[in-house]
Amino acid sequence: MRPPALRPLLVAVVLASIVAPPVRAVADADPAPARPLRWQVGVQSSGSWRSRFDVFDRDGVPPGAVAKWANGGGVFVGRRFGDRFVGQLLVSFARHDIEGVASRIGDVELLLTGTVLLGPERTVQPFLRGGIGGGGQAFETEDGDGNLIAFGPAAIAGGGAQLRLGRRVSLELEAVGTFTNFLQVDDLTNGARWGGGDWQVRTSNWGWRLGVGWAFWF
């Protein structure tokens, strides 16, 4: 059975296939500049999977089975250096449901990524991507009393392909493996229900992220 989190990705791919031809026609009408465009901003729709969620070092957190697949998204800004390398600042997020309760687990990454384009002059540009930064998971309490947050360094590695729709627009498909090493938990609930303050942890999880997005160059 197809994971529910993949459905938004499939919808995004279908919509992109419909929108891409007219977008490319408009983009190609813009004469190519003597200097290539360097900066980009973009948005992404994603589905993510995580190996575990018991990273808070407290009994009953989370209070039930967590859906390992989740819908999410992201935003990024980047710059091309030379013909093949693109550096980006990426923020991605997802929210995992917990069985039997209204609470959820929020999953966030803030990463500096590097992308190597394997065919910078081609319409279809395969790429390799890696990144490092920070990641966290937040247990969102059912009554809205605040969050219990675990965080630490994070990294990704993978690849994908960009489809050039003109000099200003690209469609991007991404598949990356993720890893987060949790080092600290902060009790940010209003009533300090886990004692308040922060405490050290030594745990990690890994996973996958599949995404489709639009990049706009300027």
Protein backbone atom coordinates (compact mmCIF):
# COMPACT_ATOMS: atom_id res chain seq x y z
CA MET A 1 0.00 0.00 0.00
CA ARG A 2 1.34 3.43 -0.94
CA PRO A 3 2.35 5.49 2.14
CA PRO A 4 -0.18 8.35 2.68
CA ALA A 5 2.65 10.89 2.76
CA LEU A 6 3.50 10.12 -0.86
CA ARG A 7 0.10 11.21 -2.16
CA PRO A 8 0.86 14.98 -2.01
CA LEU A 9 4.10 14.29 -3.90
CA LEU A 10 2.26 12.43 -6.64
CA VAL A 11 -0.30 15.24 -6.89
CA ALA A 12 2.54 17.78 -7.11
CA VAL A 13 4.27 15.80 -9.88
CA VAL A 14 1.03 15.56 -11.89
CA LEU A 15 0.35 19.30 -11.50
CA ALA A 16 3.94 20.07 -12.48
CA SER A 17 3.60 18.00 -15.66
CA ILE A 18 0.52 20.04 -16.58
CA VAL A 19 1.98 23.45 -15.69
CA ALA A 20 5.50 22.85 -17.02
CA PRO A 21 4.86 23.28 -20.80
CA PRO A 22 3.25 26.76 -20.60
CA VAL A 23 5.76 27.87 -17.95
CA ARG A 24 8.64 26.83 -20.16
CA ALA A 25 7.11 28.57 -23.19
CA VAL A 26 6.92 31.82 -21.23
CA ALA A 27 10.40 31.41 -19.79
CA ASP A 28 11.97 30.67 -23.16
CA ALA A 29 10.48 33.87 -24.56
CA ASP A 30 12.81 35.79 -22.29
CA PRO A 31 16.10 36.23 -24.17
CA ALA A 32 19.10 34.49 -22.57
CA PRO A 33 21.35 36.94 -20.73
CA ALA A 34 25.07 37.21 -21.28
CA ARG A 35 25.58 36.45 -17.58
CA PRO A 36 23.93 33.31 -16.09
CA LEU A 37 21.47 33.81 -13.27
CA ARG A 38 23.03 33.01 -9.87
CA TRP A 39 20.43 33.34 -7.11
CA GLN A 40 17.44 31.13 -6.45
CA VAL A 41 14.50 30.86 -4.08
CA GLY A 42 12.13 27.94 -3.94
CA VAL A 43 9.43 25.93 -2.23
CA GLN A 44 9.10 22.19 -1.80
CA SER A 45 6.38 19.65 -1.01
CA SER A 46 7.75 16.54 0.69
CA GLY A 47 7.04 13.23 2.36
CA SER A 48 9.36 12.12 5.13
CA TRP A 49 9.98 8.94 7.12
CA ARG A 50 11.76 8.67 10.49
CA SER A 51 13.09 5.55 12.19
CA ARG A 52 12.11 6.48 15.79
CA PHE A 53 10.55 9.15 17.99
CA ASP A 54 11.47 8.13 21.55
CA VAL A 55 14.21 10.75 21.70
CA PHE A 56 12.99 12.80 24.69
CA ASP A 57 14.18 10.51 27.53
CA ARG A 58 10.85 10.76 29.37
CA ASP A 59 8.30 8.02 30.02
CA GLY A 60 5.10 8.37 28.02
CA VAL A 61 6.58 10.68 25.41
CA PRO A 62 5.25 10.08 22.86
CA PRO A 63 2.07 8.62 24.41
CA GLY A 64 1.31 6.25 21.53
CA ALA A 65 2.47 4.85 18.22
CA VAL A 66 3.71 7.59 15.89
CA ALA A 67 3.09 7.56 12.13
CA LYS A 68 6.56 7.19 10.64
CA TRP A 69 5.46 8.76 7.32
CA ALA A 70 4.36 12.40 7.33
CA ASN A 71 3.51 15.18 4.91
CA GLY A 72 5.67 18.26 4.96
CA GLY A 73 7.34 20.97 2.98
CA GLY A 74 10.23 23.35 2.84
CA VAL A 75 11.63 26.63 1.63
CA PHE A 76 15.13 27.40 0.40
CA VAL A 77 17.36 30.17 -0.88
CA GLY A 78 20.60 29.53 -2.73
CA ARG A 79 23.37 30.75 -4.99
CA ARG A 80 25.19 29.14 -7.89
CA PHE A 81 29.00 29.19 -7.80
CA GLY A 82 30.53 28.48 -11.18
CA ASP A 83 28.59 26.18 -13.50
CA ARG A 84 28.08 23.12 -11.29
CA PHE A 85 27.84 24.00 -7.60
CA VAL A 86 24.80 25.46 -5.80
CA GLY A 87 24.88 26.36 -2.10
CA GLN A 88 21.54 26.57 -0.29
CA LEU A 89 19.99 27.40 3.06
CA LEU A 90 17.11 24.94 3.50
CA VAL A 91 14.33 24.78 6.09
CA SER A 92 12.17 21.63 5.99
CA PHE A 93 9.35 20.50 8.25
CA ALA A 94 6.80 17.72 8.75
CA ARG A 95 4.19 16.74 11.36
CA HIS A 96 3.65 13.12 12.44
CA ASP A 97 0.30 11.99 13.88
CA ILE A 98 0.19 10.00 17.13
CA GLU A 99 -2.30 7.15 17.39
CA GLY A 100 -5.20 7.74 19.77
CA VAL A 101 -4.42 11.35 20.74
CA ALA A 102 -4.52 14.82 19.21
CA SER A 103 -0.85 15.46 20.02
CA ARG A 104 1.67 15.36 17.19
CA ILE A 105 5.41 15.22 16.65
CA GLY A 106 6.83 18.13 14.67
CA ASP A 107 10.02 17.46 12.71
CA VAL A 108 12.24 20.39 11.59
CA GLU A 109 15.63 20.72 9.87
CA LEU A 110 17.72 23.84 9.21
CA LEU A 111 20.56 22.93 6.85
CA LEU A 112 23.33 24.36 4.72
CA THR A 113 23.39 22.19 1.61
CA GLY A 114 25.70 21.81 -1.37
CA THR A 115 24.44 20.58 -4.74
CA VAL A 116 26.69 19.41 -7.58
CA LEU A 117 24.98 19.53 -10.98
CA LEU A 118 26.14 16.69 -13.22
CA GLY A 119 24.83 18.23 -16.44
CA PRO A 120 24.67 22.02 -15.96
CA GLU A 121 23.91 22.77 -19.61
CA ARG A 122 21.28 20.06 -20.08
CA THR A 123 17.52 20.37 -19.84
CA VAL A 124 17.50 17.51 -17.32
CA GLN A 125 20.24 18.05 -14.72
CA PRO A 126 20.96 15.12 -12.37
CA PHE A 127 22.59 16.22 -9.11
CA LEU A 128 24.23 15.01 -5.92
CA ARG A 129 23.36 16.77 -2.66
CA GLY A 130 24.69 16.83 0.90
CA GLY A 131 24.12 19.08 3.85
CA ILE A 132 24.80 19.72 7.53
CA GLY A 133 23.07 21.81 10.17
CA GLY A 134 20.57 21.28 12.95
CA GLY A 135 17.47 19.18 13.42
CA GLY A 136 14.80 18.79 16.04
CA GLN A 137 11.61 17.07 17.06
CA ALA A 138 8.87 18.76 19.07
CA PHE A 139 6.21 16.90 21.02
CA GLU A 140 3.15 19.13 20.70
CA THR A 141 0.93 18.66 23.78
CA GLU A 142 -2.71 17.77 23.22
CA ASP A 143 -4.06 20.70 25.25
CA GLY A 144 -1.84 23.33 23.57
CA ASP A 145 0.21 23.87 26.75
CA GLY A 146 3.53 24.09 24.88
CA ASN A 147 6.15 21.77 23.46
CA LEU A 148 8.86 19.39 24.56
CA ILE A 149 11.74 19.88 22.10
CA ALA A 150 14.73 17.64 21.34
CA PHE A 151 17.47 18.94 19.04
CA GLY A 152 21.01 18.39 17.82
CA PRO A 153 23.20 18.29 14.69
CA ALA A 154 21.73 16.90 11.49
CA ALA A 155 22.93 15.86 8.04
CA ILE A 156 21.50 14.74 4.71
CA ALA A 157 22.93 12.97 1.65
CA GLY A 158 21.33 12.00 -1.62
CA GLY A 159 20.49 13.37 -5.02
CA GLY A 160 17.85 13.94 -7.63
CA ALA A 161 17.30 15.89 -10.82
CA GLN A 162 16.32 19.37 -11.96
CA LEU A 163 14.21 19.97 -15.06
CA ARG A 164 15.03 23.33 -16.63
CA LEU A 165 11.84 25.04 -17.77
CA GLY A 166 13.67 28.15 -18.93
CA ARG A 167 16.32 30.47 -17.58
CA ARG A 168 14.21 31.50 -14.58
CA VAL A 169 12.29 28.37 -13.52
CA SER A 170 13.32 24.82 -12.62
CA LEU A 171 11.36 21.83 -11.37
CA GLU A 172 13.29 19.74 -8.84
CA LEU A 173 12.88 16.13 -7.67
CA GLU A 174 14.87 15.15 -4.56
CA ALA A 175 15.52 11.95 -2.59
CA VAL A 176 17.82 12.17 0.44
CA GLY A 177 18.71 10.16 3.50
CA THR A 178 18.56 12.06 6.80
CA PHE A 179 20.31 11.69 10.15
CA THR A 180 19.88 13.62 13.41
CA ASN A 181 21.94 13.19 16.61
CA PHE A 182 19.84 14.55 19.51
CA LEU A 183 21.88 16.08 22.34
CA GLN A 184 19.48 18.18 24.43
CA VAL A 185 15.80 18.41 25.35
CA ASP A 186 14.06 21.61 26.49
CA ASP A 187 10.77 21.61 28.42
CA LEU A 188 8.92 24.61 26.96
CA THR A 189 5.49 23.74 28.34
CA ASN A 190 3.70 26.51 30.21
CA GLY A 191 3.24 24.40 33.33
CA ALA A 192 6.74 22.84 33.21
CA ARG A 193 5.05 19.43 33.33
CA TRP A 194 8.38 17.63 32.84
CA GLY A 195 10.19 19.67 35.46
CA GLY A 196 11.09 22.62 33.25
CA GLY A 197 14.61 23.48 32.19
CA ASP A 198 16.65 21.22 29.92
CA TRP A 199 18.51 17.92 30.09
CA GLN A 200 21.08 16.07 28.03
CA VAL A 201 20.27 13.08 25.83
CA ARG A 202 22.37 10.85 23.61
CA THR A 203 20.15 9.36 20.95
CA SER A 204 19.66 9.58 17.21
CA ASN A 205 17.33 8.69 14.38
CA TRP A 206 17.60 8.36 10.63
CA GLY A 207 15.16 8.48 7.75
CA TRP A 208 14.33 9.47 4.20
CA ARG A 209 12.82 12.50 2.52
CA LEU A 210 11.25 12.62 -0.94
CA GLY A 211 10.43 16.03 -2.34
CA VAL A 212 9.28 17.92 -5.41
CA GLY A 213 9.69 21.66 -5.67
CA TRP A 214 9.98 24.78 -7.78
CA ALA A 215 13.14 26.90 -7.96
CA PHE A 216 13.00 30.47 -9.29
CA TRP A 217 16.26 32.02 -10.53
CA PHE A 218 17.14 35.70 -10.63
